[in-house]
Amino acid sequence: MSLLRVSALEAGYRRSQVLFGIDFSVAAGQLVTLLGRNGMGKSTTVKCLSGLLKPTAGTIELAGVALAGQPSYRIGRAGVGLVPEGRQVFPTLTVRENLVATASQRNAGANPWTLARVFELFPGLAERERQLGGRLSGGEQQMLAIGRALMTNPRLLILDEATEGLAPLVRNEIWRCLALLRAEGLAMIVIDKNLRPLLPLADHHYILDKGRIAWQGDSDQLRVDPQLIERYLNV
């Protein structure tokens, strides 16, 4: 049974339509990717899922609850956590303040996300608990953004370009984190240009091309089809 179901979703900006009736789903505990070149509709999809853009048509349901067109705070309360592109941490708040600013136990399970759990996942953040978010490195800010989203105890976590612009060692730390979260059964949507580390993590992939789902399948299918990767993903 799907946790998230998106059907016939259309969206755009003023007179420019970007999404043309896309359909996809995420089951509980699944890690699903949205892939595609820049400008194909991935960010627009994320904005619709998180309430930052109102769709012009279609439905978005989380555990049977209609979310399309709802404001972002209601979507957050329903259980959608977002790690936005560019991290967007609060630069004048400390690491601790960033983490507790939007914390919620509303959708918490048996082992809720707390400060202690986030600091266990990212020990480097614990060492910088009183440091301002704006003074962290890019990698530390990305960990903080993930920790902040986890502190809302989401049912579905969306990560938009989670490793963009990060050093290889930091990227590996993010992949380690995602593997742990997947093992714990947290449903996730991941948008990232680094395909190779995603292949062993993801349960299903969707490729967007010009605002439509051009292909979907599992990692084995994607791995053995270099022409597919060349056609839709390589620059």
C-alpha atoms as a PDB file:
ATOM      1  CA  MET A   1       0.000   0.000   0.000  1.00  0.00           C
ATOM      2  CA  SER A   2       1.299   3.442  -0.933  1.00  0.00           C
ATOM      3  CA  LEU A   3       2.153   5.975   1.730  1.00  0.00           C
ATOM      4  CA  LEU A   4       2.355   8.755  -0.875  1.00  0.00           C
ATOM      5  CA  ARG A   5       0.349   8.722  -4.078  1.00  0.00           C
ATOM      6  CA  VAL A   6       0.671  11.427  -6.734  1.00  0.00           C
ATOM      7  CA  SER A   7      -1.785  11.281  -9.619  1.00  0.00           C
ATOM      8  CA  ALA A   8      -2.104  13.371 -12.800  1.00  0.00           C
ATOM      9  CA  LEU A   9      -0.128  16.214 -11.220  1.00  0.00           C
ATOM     10  CA  GLU A  10       0.146  19.403 -13.249  1.00  0.00           C
ATOM     11  CA  ALA A  11       1.853  22.626 -12.230  1.00  0.00           C
ATOM     12  CA  GLY A  12       3.711  25.630 -13.574  1.00  0.00           C
ATOM     13  CA  TYR A  13       4.477  29.289 -13.199  1.00  0.00           C
ATOM     14  CA  ARG A  14       2.018  31.815 -14.622  1.00  0.00           C
ATOM     15  CA  ARG A  15       1.553  30.828 -18.271  1.00  0.00           C
ATOM     16  CA  SER A  16       4.448  28.379 -18.322  1.00  0.00           C
ATOM     17  CA  GLN A  17       3.375  24.788 -17.615  1.00  0.00           C
ATOM     18  CA  VAL A  18       6.130  22.583 -16.174  1.00  0.00           C
ATOM     19  CA  LEU A  19       4.449  19.344 -15.071  1.00  0.00           C
ATOM     20  CA  PHE A  20       2.163  17.441 -17.428  1.00  0.00           C
ATOM     21  CA  GLY A  21       0.149  14.864 -15.529  1.00  0.00           C
ATOM     22  CA  ILE A  22       2.832  12.956 -13.625  1.00  0.00           C
ATOM     23  CA  ASP A  23       2.027   9.867 -11.544  1.00  0.00           C
ATOM     24  CA  PHE A  24       4.229   8.208  -8.944  1.00  0.00           C
ATOM     25  CA  SER A  25       4.011   6.629  -5.520  1.00  0.00           C
ATOM     26  CA  VAL A  26       6.119   5.829  -2.474  1.00  0.00           C
ATOM     27  CA  ALA A  27       5.350   2.889  -0.205  1.00  0.00           C
ATOM     28  CA  ALA A  28       6.047   2.918   3.516  1.00  0.00           C
ATOM     29  CA  GLY A  29       9.761   2.308   4.089  1.00  0.00           C
ATOM     30  CA  GLN A  30      10.741   2.860   0.454  1.00  0.00           C
ATOM     31  CA  LEU A  31      13.500   5.096  -0.855  1.00  0.00           C
ATOM     32  CA  VAL A  32      12.417   6.467  -4.226  1.00  0.00           C
ATOM     33  CA  THR A  33      14.387   8.785  -6.498  1.00  0.00           C
ATOM     34  CA  LEU A  34      13.282  11.506  -8.888  1.00  0.00           C
ATOM     35  CA  LEU A  35      15.933  11.751 -11.585  1.00  0.00           C
ATOM     36  CA  GLY A  36      16.452  13.898 -14.658  1.00  0.00           C
ATOM     37  CA  ARG A  37      18.463  16.754 -16.069  1.00  0.00           C
ATOM     38  CA  ASN A  38      18.051  20.301 -14.816  1.00  0.00           C
ATOM     39  CA  GLY A  39      14.809  21.950 -15.862  1.00  0.00           C
ATOM     40  CA  MET A  40      12.845  18.725 -16.255  1.00  0.00           C
ATOM     41  CA  GLY A  41      10.437  19.377 -13.367  1.00  0.00           C
ATOM     42  CA  LYS A  42      12.052  17.837 -10.302  1.00  0.00           C
ATOM     43  CA  SER A  43      12.144  21.013  -8.206  1.00  0.00           C
ATOM     44  CA  THR A  44       8.621  21.939  -9.271  1.00  0.00           C
ATOM     45  CA  THR A  45       7.450  18.522  -8.091  1.00  0.00           C
ATOM     46  CA  VAL A  46       9.154  19.038  -4.731  1.00  0.00           C
ATOM     47  CA  LYS A  47       7.510  22.448  -4.364  1.00  0.00           C
ATOM     48  CA  CYS A  48       4.098  20.891  -4.970  1.00  0.00           C
ATOM     49  CA  LEU A  49       4.768  18.104  -2.468  1.00  0.00           C
ATOM     50  CA  SER A  50       5.902  20.541   0.225  1.00  0.00           C
ATOM     51  CA  GLY A  51       3.235  23.194  -0.290  1.00  0.00           C
ATOM     52  CA  LEU A  52       5.476  25.849  -1.800  1.00  0.00           C
ATOM     53  CA  LEU A  53       3.576  25.732  -5.115  1.00  0.00           C
ATOM     54  CA  LYS A  54      -0.104  25.035  -5.697  1.00  0.00           C
ATOM     55  CA  PRO A  55      -0.718  22.459  -8.443  1.00  0.00           C
ATOM     56  CA  THR A  56      -3.062  23.391 -11.273  1.00  0.00           C
ATOM     57  CA  ALA A  57      -4.445  19.851 -11.484  1.00  0.00           C
ATOM     58  CA  GLY A  58      -4.053  16.396  -9.985  1.00  0.00           C
ATOM     59  CA  THR A  59      -3.927  14.919  -6.506  1.00  0.00           C
ATOM     60  CA  ILE A  60      -1.335  14.359  -3.779  1.00  0.00           C
ATOM     61  CA  GLU A  61      -2.270  12.008  -0.947  1.00  0.00           C
ATOM     62  CA  LEU A  62      -0.259  11.013   2.110  1.00  0.00           C
ATOM     63  CA  ALA A  63      -1.770   7.989   3.865  1.00  0.00           C
ATOM     64  CA  GLY A  64      -5.080   8.837   2.220  1.00  0.00           C
ATOM     65  CA  VAL A  65      -5.049  12.508   3.284  1.00  0.00           C
ATOM     66  CA  ALA A  66      -5.356  15.020   0.424  1.00  0.00           C
ATOM     67  CA  LEU A  67      -2.451  17.469   0.429  1.00  0.00           C
ATOM     68  CA  ALA A  68      -2.523  19.140  -3.003  1.00  0.00           C
ATOM     69  CA  GLY A  69      -2.823  22.883  -2.613  1.00  0.00           C
ATOM     70  CA  GLN A  70      -2.520  22.835   1.176  1.00  0.00           C
ATOM     71  CA  PRO A  71      -0.164  25.364   2.811  1.00  0.00           C
ATOM     72  CA  SER A  72       3.286  24.130   3.734  1.00  0.00           C
ATOM     73  CA  TYR A  73       2.668  24.166   7.487  1.00  0.00           C
ATOM     74  CA  ARG A  74      -0.285  21.786   7.111  1.00  0.00           C
ATOM     75  CA  ILE A  75       1.730  19.491   4.864  1.00  0.00           C
ATOM     76  CA  GLY A  76       4.493  19.507   7.483  1.00  0.00           C
ATOM     77  CA  ARG A  77       1.988  18.635  10.193  1.00  0.00           C
ATOM     78  CA  ALA A  78       0.709  15.764   8.039  1.00  0.00           C
ATOM     79  CA  GLY A  79       4.190  14.251   8.121  1.00  0.00           C
ATOM     80  CA  VAL A  80       6.199  15.545   5.149  1.00  0.00           C
ATOM     81  CA  GLY A  81       9.721  16.673   6.053  1.00  0.00           C
ATOM     82  CA  LEU A  82      11.814  18.644   3.555  1.00  0.00           C
ATOM     83  CA  VAL A  83      15.573  19.029   3.262  1.00  0.00           C
ATOM     84  CA  PRO A  84      15.587  21.862   0.709  1.00  0.00           C
ATOM     85  CA  GLU A  85      18.077  22.502  -2.028  1.00  0.00           C
ATOM     86  CA  GLY A  86      20.715  24.901  -0.757  1.00  0.00           C
ATOM     87  CA  ARG A  87      20.209  23.757   2.859  1.00  0.00           C
ATOM     88  CA  GLN A  88      18.589  27.033   4.015  1.00  0.00           C
ATOM     89  CA  VAL A  89      19.531  26.735   7.684  1.00  0.00           C
ATOM     90  CA  PHE A  90      18.816  29.709   9.939  1.00  0.00           C
ATOM     91  CA  PRO A  91      22.197  31.515   9.907  1.00  0.00           C
ATOM     92  CA  THR A  92      21.658  33.562  13.091  1.00  0.00           C
ATOM     93  CA  LEU A  93      20.440  30.629  15.191  1.00  0.00           C
ATOM     94  CA  THR A  94      22.727  28.126  16.872  1.00  0.00           C
ATOM     95  CA  VAL A  95      22.841  24.494  15.834  1.00  0.00           C
ATOM     96  CA  ARG A  96      20.651  23.607  18.805  1.00  0.00           C
ATOM     97  CA  GLU A  97      18.179  26.394  18.044  1.00  0.00           C
ATOM     98  CA  ASN A  98      17.961  25.318  14.399  1.00  0.00           C
ATOM     99  CA  LEU A  99      17.087  21.793  15.481  1.00  0.00           C
ATOM    100  CA  VAL A 100      14.435  22.678  18.041  1.00  0.00           C
ATOM    101  CA  ALA A 101      12.864  25.562  16.075  1.00  0.00           C
ATOM    102  CA  THR A 102      10.455  23.328  14.132  1.00  0.00           C
ATOM    103  CA  ALA A 103      10.658  20.155  16.239  1.00  0.00           C
ATOM    104  CA  SER A 104       7.456  18.161  16.605  1.00  0.00           C
ATOM    105  CA  GLN A 105       6.397  14.863  18.124  1.00  0.00           C
ATOM    106  CA  ARG A 106       3.076  14.836  16.237  1.00  0.00           C
ATOM    107  CA  ASN A 107       3.952  11.879  13.988  1.00  0.00           C
ATOM    108  CA  ALA A 108       6.578  10.330  16.258  1.00  0.00           C
ATOM    109  CA  GLY A 109       6.791   6.568  16.472  1.00  0.00           C
ATOM    110  CA  ALA A 110       8.205   4.299  19.124  1.00  0.00           C
ATOM    111  CA  ASN A 111      11.703   5.765  18.735  1.00  0.00           C
ATOM    112  CA  PRO A 112      11.171   9.487  18.075  1.00  0.00           C
ATOM    113  CA  TRP A 113      13.780  11.855  16.743  1.00  0.00           C
ATOM    114  CA  THR A 114      15.213  14.011  19.512  1.00  0.00           C
ATOM    115  CA  LEU A 115      18.296  16.181  19.926  1.00  0.00           C
ATOM    116  CA  ALA A 116      20.148  13.205  21.374  1.00  0.00           C
ATOM    117  CA  ARG A 117      19.317  11.014  18.378  1.00  0.00           C
ATOM    118  CA  VAL A 118      20.304  13.688  15.853  1.00  0.00           C
ATOM    119  CA  PHE A 119      23.600  14.256  17.672  1.00  0.00           C
ATOM    120  CA  GLU A 120      24.177  10.504  17.659  1.00  0.00           C
ATOM    121  CA  LEU A 121      23.581  10.409  13.898  1.00  0.00           C
ATOM    122  CA  PHE A 122      25.814  13.456  13.316  1.00  0.00           C
ATOM    123  CA  PRO A 123      28.376  13.683  16.156  1.00  0.00           C
ATOM    124  CA  GLY A 124      29.974  16.722  14.536  1.00  0.00           C
ATOM    125  CA  LEU A 125      26.832  18.737  15.188  1.00  0.00           C
ATOM    126  CA  ALA A 126      26.993  17.917  18.894  1.00  0.00           C
ATOM    127  CA  GLU A 127      30.471  19.435  19.029  1.00  0.00           C
ATOM    128  CA  ARG A 128      29.090  22.635  17.466  1.00  0.00           C
ATOM    129  CA  GLU A 129      25.830  22.789  19.385  1.00  0.00           C
ATOM    130  CA  ARG A 130      26.281  26.468  20.334  1.00  0.00           C
ATOM    131  CA  GLN A 131      27.765  27.603  17.021  1.00  0.00           C
ATOM    132  CA  LEU A 132      25.696  29.756  14.669  1.00  0.00           C
ATOM    133  CA  GLY A 133      24.308  27.987  11.628  1.00  0.00           C
ATOM    134  CA  GLY A 134      25.801  30.567   9.288  1.00  0.00           C
ATOM    135  CA  ARG A 135      29.318  29.761  10.506  1.00  0.00           C
ATOM    136  CA  LEU A 136      29.159  26.051   9.713  1.00  0.00           C
ATOM    137  CA  SER A 137      30.807  24.512   6.671  1.00  0.00           C
ATOM    138  CA  GLY A 138      28.622  23.473   3.753  1.00  0.00           C
ATOM    139  CA  GLY A 139      28.718  19.845   4.822  1.00  0.00           C
ATOM    140  CA  GLU A 140      27.831  20.693   8.411  1.00  0.00           C
ATOM    141  CA  GLN A 141      24.951  22.839   7.206  1.00  0.00           C
ATOM    142  CA  GLN A 142      23.655  19.928   5.134  1.00  0.00           C
ATOM    143  CA  MET A 143      23.781  17.643   8.158  1.00  0.00           C
ATOM    144  CA  LEU A 144      21.991  20.321  10.156  1.00  0.00           C
ATOM    145  CA  ALA A 145      19.292  20.616   7.487  1.00  0.00           C
ATOM    146  CA  ILE A 146      18.747  16.847   7.582  1.00  0.00           C
ATOM    147  CA  GLY A 147      18.688  16.853  11.371  1.00  0.00           C
ATOM    148  CA  ARG A 148      16.191  19.727  11.413  1.00  0.00           C
ATOM    149  CA  ALA A 149      13.862  17.806   9.093  1.00  0.00           C
ATOM    150  CA  LEU A 150      14.191  14.661  11.193  1.00  0.00           C
ATOM    151  CA  MET A 151      13.263  16.627  14.310  1.00  0.00           C
ATOM    152  CA  THR A 152       9.776  17.064  12.825  1.00  0.00           C
ATOM    153  CA  ASN A 153       9.474  13.244  12.986  1.00  0.00           C
ATOM    154  CA  PRO A 154       8.301  12.983   9.371  1.00  0.00           C
ATOM    155  CA  ARG A 155       6.485  10.056   7.826  1.00  0.00           C
ATOM    156  CA  LEU A 156       8.061  10.983   4.486  1.00  0.00           C
ATOM    157  CA  LEU A 157      11.426  12.736   4.098  1.00  0.00           C
ATOM    158  CA  ILE A 158      12.205  14.624   0.877  1.00  0.00           C
ATOM    159  CA  LEU A 159      15.855  15.458   0.137  1.00  0.00           C
ATOM    160  CA  ASP A 160      16.402  17.891  -2.722  1.00  0.00           C
ATOM    161  CA  GLU A 161      20.006  17.777  -4.026  1.00  0.00           C
ATOM    162  CA  ALA A 162      21.317  16.480  -0.705  1.00  0.00           C
ATOM    163  CA  THR A 163      24.964  16.168  -1.828  1.00  0.00           C
ATOM    164  CA  GLU A 164      25.264  19.060  -4.280  1.00  0.00           C
ATOM    165  CA  GLY A 165      28.508  21.003  -3.891  1.00  0.00           C
ATOM    166  CA  LEU A 166      29.850  18.820  -1.084  1.00  0.00           C
ATOM    167  CA  ALA A 167      33.281  17.215  -0.783  1.00  0.00           C
ATOM    168  CA  PRO A 168      33.448  13.452  -1.446  1.00  0.00           C
ATOM    169  CA  LEU A 169      33.994  12.578   2.235  1.00  0.00           C
ATOM    170  CA  VAL A 170      30.935  14.594   3.238  1.00  0.00           C
ATOM    171  CA  ARG A 171      28.898  13.008   0.469  1.00  0.00           C
ATOM    172  CA  ASN A 172      29.805   9.596   1.833  1.00  0.00           C
ATOM    173  CA  GLU A 173      28.587  10.708   5.249  1.00  0.00           C
ATOM    174  CA  ILE A 174      25.230  11.733   3.749  1.00  0.00           C
ATOM    175  CA  TRP A 175      24.900   8.387   1.952  1.00  0.00           C
ATOM    176  CA  ARG A 176      25.689   6.626   5.235  1.00  0.00           C
ATOM    177  CA  CYS A 177      22.944   8.608   6.904  1.00  0.00           C
ATOM    178  CA  LEU A 178      20.404   7.740   4.198  1.00  0.00           C
ATOM    179  CA  ALA A 179      21.277   4.053   4.452  1.00  0.00           C
ATOM    180  CA  LEU A 180      20.628   4.146   8.203  1.00  0.00           C
ATOM    181  CA  LEU A 181      17.325   5.952   7.759  1.00  0.00           C
ATOM    182  CA  ARG A 182      16.224   3.493   5.087  1.00  0.00           C
ATOM    183  CA  ALA A 183      17.135   0.573   7.373  1.00  0.00           C
ATOM    184  CA  GLU A 184      14.925   2.134  10.055  1.00  0.00           C
ATOM    185  CA  GLY A 185      12.002   2.165   7.632  1.00  0.00           C
ATOM    186  CA  LEU A 186      11.699   5.888   6.922  1.00  0.00           C
ATOM    187  CA  ALA A 187      10.114   6.567   3.533  1.00  0.00           C
ATOM    188  CA  MET A 188      12.177   8.967   1.418  1.00  0.00           C
ATOM    189  CA  ILE A 189      12.216  10.778  -1.898  1.00  0.00           C
ATOM    190  CA  VAL A 190      15.739  11.683  -3.011  1.00  0.00           C
ATOM    191  CA  ILE A 191      16.671  14.064  -5.817  1.00  0.00           C
ATOM    192  CA  ASP A 192      20.386  13.957  -6.589  1.00  0.00           C
ATOM    193  CA  LYS A 193      22.736  14.046  -9.560  1.00  0.00           C
ATOM    194  CA  ASN A 194      25.060  11.402  -8.070  1.00  0.00           C
ATOM    195  CA  LEU A 195      23.460   8.256  -9.419  1.00  0.00           C
ATOM    196  CA  ARG A 196      26.007   5.592  -8.505  1.00  0.00           C
ATOM    197  CA  PRO A 197      25.630   5.816  -4.690  1.00  0.00           C
ATOM    198  CA  LEU A 198      21.838   5.856  -5.074  1.00  0.00           C
ATOM    199  CA  LEU A 199      21.626   2.569  -6.957  1.00  0.00           C
ATOM    200  CA  PRO A 200      22.219   0.280  -3.940  1.00  0.00           C
ATOM    201  CA  LEU A 201      19.962   2.435  -1.734  1.00  0.00           C
ATOM    202  CA  ALA A 202      16.895   3.049  -3.863  1.00  0.00           C
ATOM    203  CA  ASP A 203      13.908   0.742  -4.217  1.00  0.00           C
ATOM    204  CA  HIS A 204      12.503   2.508  -7.261  1.00  0.00           C
ATOM    205  CA  HIS A 205      13.456   5.281  -9.674  1.00  0.00           C
ATOM    206  CA  TYR A 206      11.399   7.752 -11.687  1.00  0.00           C
ATOM    207  CA  ILE A 207      12.980   9.750 -14.496  1.00  0.00           C
ATOM    208  CA  LEU A 208      11.424  13.084 -15.367  1.00  0.00           C
ATOM    209  CA  ASP A 209      11.810  14.482 -18.872  1.00  0.00           C
ATOM    210  CA  LYS A 210      10.133  17.735 -19.899  1.00  0.00           C
ATOM    211  CA  GLY A 211       7.633  17.490 -17.086  1.00  0.00           C
ATOM    212  CA  ARG A 212       6.571  13.902 -17.699  1.00  0.00           C
ATOM    213  CA  ILE A 213       7.560  10.534 -16.268  1.00  0.00           C
ATOM    214  CA  ALA A 214       9.726   9.166 -19.072  1.00  0.00           C
ATOM    215  CA  TRP A 215      10.768   5.939 -17.316  1.00  0.00           C
ATOM    216  CA  GLN A 216      10.398   4.080 -14.044  1.00  0.00           C
ATOM    217  CA  GLY A 217      11.979   0.938 -12.670  1.00  0.00           C
ATOM    218  CA  ASP A 218      14.343  -0.530 -10.113  1.00  0.00           C
ATOM    219  CA  SER A 219      18.102  -0.154  -9.759  1.00  0.00           C
ATOM    220  CA  ASP A 220      18.914  -3.375 -11.606  1.00  0.00           C
ATOM    221  CA  GLN A 221      16.949  -2.216 -14.641  1.00  0.00           C
ATOM    222  CA  LEU A 222      18.622   1.190 -14.588  1.00  0.00           C
ATOM    223  CA  ARG A 223      22.107  -0.211 -14.019  1.00  0.00           C
ATOM    224  CA  VAL A 224      22.066  -2.440 -17.110  1.00  0.00           C
ATOM    225  CA  ASP A 225      20.742   0.190 -19.516  1.00  0.00           C
ATOM    226  CA  PRO A 226      23.519   2.700 -20.298  1.00  0.00           C
ATOM    227  CA  GLN A 227      21.523   4.098 -23.220  1.00  0.00           C
ATOM    228  CA  LEU A 228      18.758   5.085 -20.812  1.00  0.00           C
ATOM    229  CA  ILE A 229      21.252   6.908 -18.603  1.00  0.00           C
ATOM    230  CA  GLU A 230      22.819   8.622 -21.602  1.00  0.00           C
ATOM    231  CA  ARG A 231      19.468   9.695 -22.999  1.00  0.00           C
ATOM    232  CA  TYR A 232      17.921  11.142 -19.849  1.00  0.00           C
ATOM    233  CA  LEU A 233      20.617  11.762 -17.243  1.00  0.00           C
ATOM    234  CA  ASN A 234      24.033  12.523 -18.714  1.00  0.00           C
ATOM    235  CA  VAL A 235      24.768  16.127 -19.581  1.00  0.00           C
END
